[in-house]
Amino acid sequence: MGKTYDGIHRISFLIDGKGKIEKVFDDFKTTNHHDIVLSYLQQ
């Protein structure tokens, strides 16, 4: 059998003013990443 690959994993971190990780974004596609981040920021 051949090798099995999981694919590319993309993760983005939102860092607050104190340098702490505020939010981890790990379930997105490059086409909708900006919409997910902007939606979070508008909450």
N, C-alpha and C. Protein backbone atom coordinates (compact mmCIF):
# COMPACT_ATOMS: atom_id res chain seq x y z
N MET A 1 0.83 -1.18 0.00
CA MET A 1 0.00 0.00 0.00
C MET A 1 0.87 1.25 0.00
N GLY A 2 0.31 2.33 -0.50
CA GLY A 2 1.02 3.61 -0.52
C GLY A 2 0.90 4.34 0.80
N LYS A 3 1.51 5.48 0.84
CA LYS A 3 1.46 6.31 2.04
C LYS A 3 0.14 7.08 2.08
N THR A 4 -0.37 7.29 3.26
CA THR A 4 -1.58 8.06 3.47
C THR A 4 -1.20 9.42 4.04
N TYR A 5 -1.76 10.47 3.46
CA TYR A 5 -1.47 11.83 3.92
C TYR A 5 -2.75 12.49 4.38
N ASP A 6 -2.62 13.34 5.34
CA ASP A 6 -3.75 14.06 5.91
C ASP A 6 -4.02 15.36 5.17
N GLY A 7 -3.08 15.86 4.42
CA GLY A 7 -3.25 17.12 3.71
C GLY A 7 -2.58 18.27 4.44
N ILE A 8 -2.90 19.46 4.02
CA ILE A 8 -2.32 20.67 4.61
C ILE A 8 -3.18 21.14 5.77
N HIS A 9 -2.54 21.45 6.88
CA HIS A 9 -3.24 22.00 8.05
C HIS A 9 -2.84 23.46 8.19
N ARG A 10 -3.83 24.33 8.16
CA ARG A 10 -3.56 25.76 8.33
C ARG A 10 -4.14 26.20 9.67
N ILE A 11 -3.37 26.97 10.39
CA ILE A 11 -3.81 27.49 11.68
C ILE A 11 -3.43 28.96 11.75
N SER A 12 -4.37 29.78 12.22
CA SER A 12 -4.11 31.21 12.44
C SER A 12 -4.36 31.52 13.90
N PHE A 13 -3.57 32.44 14.43
CA PHE A 13 -3.70 32.85 15.82
C PHE A 13 -4.02 34.33 15.88
N LEU A 14 -4.96 34.71 16.73
CA LEU A 14 -5.25 36.11 16.99
C LEU A 14 -4.58 36.45 18.32
N ILE A 15 -3.67 37.40 18.29
CA ILE A 15 -2.89 37.78 19.47
C ILE A 15 -3.44 39.08 20.03
N ASP A 16 -3.69 39.12 21.34
CA ASP A 16 -4.23 40.34 21.94
C ASP A 16 -3.11 41.35 22.21
N GLY A 17 -3.46 42.49 22.76
CA GLY A 17 -2.51 43.57 23.00
C GLY A 17 -1.42 43.23 24.01
N LYS A 18 -1.65 42.21 24.82
CA LYS A 18 -0.66 41.79 25.82
C LYS A 18 0.23 40.66 25.31
N GLY A 19 0.04 40.28 24.05
CA GLY A 19 0.86 39.22 23.47
C GLY A 19 0.35 37.81 23.74
N LYS A 20 -0.85 37.70 24.27
CA LYS A 20 -1.45 36.39 24.56
C LYS A 20 -2.31 35.94 23.38
N ILE A 21 -2.38 34.63 23.20
CA ILE A 21 -3.25 34.09 22.16
C ILE A 21 -4.69 34.23 22.62
N GLU A 22 -5.47 34.98 21.85
CA GLU A 22 -6.88 35.20 22.18
C GLU A 22 -7.76 34.15 21.51
N LYS A 23 -7.42 33.78 20.29
CA LYS A 23 -8.27 32.87 19.52
C LYS A 23 -7.41 32.07 18.55
N VAL A 24 -7.74 30.80 18.39
CA VAL A 24 -7.07 29.94 17.42
C VAL A 24 -8.10 29.59 16.35
N PHE A 25 -7.77 29.87 15.11
CA PHE A 25 -8.63 29.53 13.99
C PHE A 25 -7.99 28.33 13.29
N ASP A 26 -8.67 27.19 13.32
CA ASP A 26 -8.09 26.00 12.70
C ASP A 26 -9.04 25.24 11.79
N ASP A 27 -10.22 25.79 11.57
CA ASP A 27 -11.19 25.13 10.70
C ASP A 27 -11.65 26.12 9.64
N PHE A 28 -10.86 26.29 8.60
CA PHE A 28 -11.19 27.24 7.55
C PHE A 28 -10.50 26.85 6.26
N LYS A 29 -10.95 27.42 5.18
CA LYS A 29 -10.28 27.30 3.89
C LYS A 29 -9.71 28.68 3.56
N THR A 30 -8.73 28.73 2.69
CA THR A 30 -8.13 30.03 2.37
C THR A 30 -9.14 30.98 1.75
N THR A 31 -10.18 30.44 1.12
CA THR A 31 -11.18 31.30 0.48
C THR A 31 -12.11 31.98 1.47
N ASN A 32 -12.26 31.43 2.68
CA ASN A 32 -13.18 32.04 3.65
C ASN A 32 -12.50 32.47 4.95
N HIS A 33 -11.20 32.40 5.00
CA HIS A 33 -10.45 32.74 6.22
C HIS A 33 -10.77 34.15 6.69
N HIS A 34 -10.72 35.11 5.78
CA HIS A 34 -10.95 36.51 6.17
C HIS A 34 -12.36 36.71 6.72
N ASP A 35 -13.35 36.02 6.16
CA ASP A 35 -14.72 36.14 6.66
C ASP A 35 -14.84 35.62 8.08
N ILE A 36 -14.18 34.52 8.37
CA ILE A 36 -14.23 33.94 9.71
C ILE A 36 -13.58 34.86 10.74
N VAL A 37 -12.42 35.41 10.40
CA VAL A 37 -11.71 36.31 11.32
C VAL A 37 -12.51 37.59 11.54
N LEU A 38 -13.01 38.19 10.47
CA LEU A 38 -13.79 39.42 10.60
C LEU A 38 -15.06 39.19 11.40
N SER A 39 -15.71 38.07 11.19
CA SER A 39 -16.92 37.74 11.95
C SER A 39 -16.61 37.64 13.44
N TYR A 40 -15.50 37.02 13.78
CA TYR A 40 -15.10 36.91 15.19
C TYR A 40 -14.83 38.29 15.78
N LEU A 41 -14.15 39.14 15.04
CA LEU A 41 -13.79 40.46 15.54
C LEU A 41 -15.01 41.36 15.74
N GLN A 42 -16.07 41.12 15.00
CA GLN A 42 -17.28 41.94 15.09
C GLN A 42 -18.20 41.51 16.22
N GLN A 43 -17.90 40.42 16.89
CA GLN A 43 -18.74 39.93 18.00
C GLN A 43 -18.63 40.83 19.20
